[in-house]
Amino acid sequence: MATASEKVRTNVYLDAEIKRQAQEIFKRYGMGLSDAFNIFLAQAVMQRGIPFDVKIPNQETVQTIKDARASKNMSHVSIEELKKEAGA
């Protein structure tokens, strides 16, 4: 097993857009993609499986995701409107 200081190179194929979005998020934490992958792999080893629930969305959720990506059935709501509806 590799020690904490021993590193190996590997190649993975990623969705380009998801990779870009993930890198933006990780950057906010001061992490690179390698850091994030190492965290994921360490958690997978510790939990002896995928470290989060993997679920198949139902058809309604799938359609809602498709609509949102296509900007269908969307309306602009301001923060003030949300606060008002929440009673804040």
Protein backbone atom coordinates (compact mmCIF):
# COMPACT_ATOMS: atom_id res chain seq x y z
CA MET A 1 0.00 0.00 0.00
CA ALA A 2 1.28 3.51 -0.82
CA THR A 3 2.41 5.77 1.98
CA ALA A 4 0.97 9.26 2.42
CA SER A 5 3.95 10.76 0.57
CA GLU A 6 4.00 8.25 -2.30
CA LYS A 7 1.97 9.46 -5.28
CA VAL A 8 0.97 7.66 -8.46
CA ARG A 9 -0.37 9.07 -11.70
CA THR A 10 -3.59 7.76 -13.20
CA ASN A 11 -5.84 8.77 -16.07
CA VAL A 12 -9.60 9.15 -15.87
CA TYR A 13 -12.13 10.31 -18.43
CA LEU A 14 -14.37 13.07 -17.11
CA ASP A 15 -17.27 15.08 -18.44
CA ALA A 16 -15.57 18.37 -19.35
CA GLU A 17 -18.33 20.65 -18.05
CA ILE A 18 -18.79 18.80 -14.77
CA LYS A 19 -15.01 18.87 -14.26
CA ARG A 20 -14.94 22.64 -14.81
CA GLN A 21 -17.80 23.22 -12.39
CA ALA A 22 -16.26 20.94 -9.77
CA GLN A 23 -12.89 22.69 -10.07
CA GLU A 24 -14.61 26.02 -9.35
CA ILE A 25 -16.09 24.57 -6.17
CA PHE A 26 -12.87 22.92 -5.03
CA LYS A 27 -10.95 26.15 -5.66
CA ARG A 28 -13.10 27.86 -3.02
CA TYR A 29 -11.73 25.33 -0.53
CA GLY A 30 -8.16 25.84 -1.72
CA MET A 31 -8.12 22.35 -3.25
CA GLY A 32 -7.26 21.00 -6.64
CA LEU A 33 -8.89 18.13 -8.45
CA SER A 34 -6.26 15.69 -7.15
CA ASP A 35 -6.98 16.73 -3.56
CA ALA A 36 -10.71 16.17 -4.08
CA PHE A 37 -10.15 12.76 -5.66
CA ASN A 38 -7.87 11.73 -2.79
CA ILE A 39 -10.54 12.75 -0.28
CA PHE A 40 -13.16 10.77 -2.20
CA LEU A 41 -10.92 7.70 -2.41
CA ALA A 42 -9.97 7.90 1.28
CA GLN A 43 -13.65 8.09 2.24
CA ALA A 44 -14.49 5.16 -0.06
CA VAL A 45 -11.80 3.08 1.63
CA MET A 46 -12.89 4.07 5.15
CA GLN A 47 -16.56 3.37 4.42
CA ARG A 48 -15.81 0.35 2.26
CA GLY A 49 -18.06 1.68 -0.50
CA ILE A 50 -19.19 4.80 -2.26
CA PRO A 51 -19.18 7.49 0.45
CA PHE A 52 -22.61 8.88 -0.41
CA ASP A 53 -26.02 7.56 -1.46
CA VAL A 54 -26.37 6.87 -5.17
CA LYS A 55 -30.00 6.95 -6.15
CA ILE A 56 -31.84 6.73 -9.44
CA PRO A 57 -34.23 9.68 -9.73
CA ASN A 58 -37.87 9.01 -10.51
CA GLN A 59 -39.32 10.13 -13.87
CA GLU A 60 -40.75 13.37 -12.45
CA THR A 61 -37.33 14.37 -11.09
CA VAL A 62 -35.65 13.44 -14.38
CA GLN A 63 -38.11 15.64 -16.30
CA THR A 64 -37.66 18.51 -13.84
CA ILE A 65 -33.88 18.33 -14.26
CA LYS A 66 -34.25 18.33 -18.07
CA ASP A 67 -36.62 21.31 -17.89
CA ALA A 68 -34.29 23.24 -15.60
CA ARG A 69 -31.29 22.62 -17.88
CA ALA A 70 -33.38 23.85 -20.82
CA SER A 71 -34.71 26.82 -18.78
CA LYS A 72 -38.29 25.55 -19.20
CA ASN A 73 -41.01 26.23 -16.65
CA MET A 74 -38.68 28.62 -14.83
CA SER A 75 -39.56 31.98 -13.35
CA HIS A 76 -37.42 34.66 -11.75
CA VAL A 77 -37.87 35.00 -8.01
CA SER A 78 -36.03 37.58 -5.96
CA ILE A 79 -34.55 37.02 -2.52
CA GLU A 80 -37.02 39.57 -1.17
CA GLU A 81 -39.95 37.57 -2.56
CA LEU A 82 -38.62 34.37 -1.02
CA LYS A 83 -38.18 36.07 2.35
CA LYS A 84 -41.70 37.45 2.16
CA GLU A 85 -43.16 34.02 1.38
CA ALA A 86 -41.12 32.48 4.22
CA GLY A 87 -42.47 35.07 6.63
CA ALA A 88 -39.04 36.52 7.35
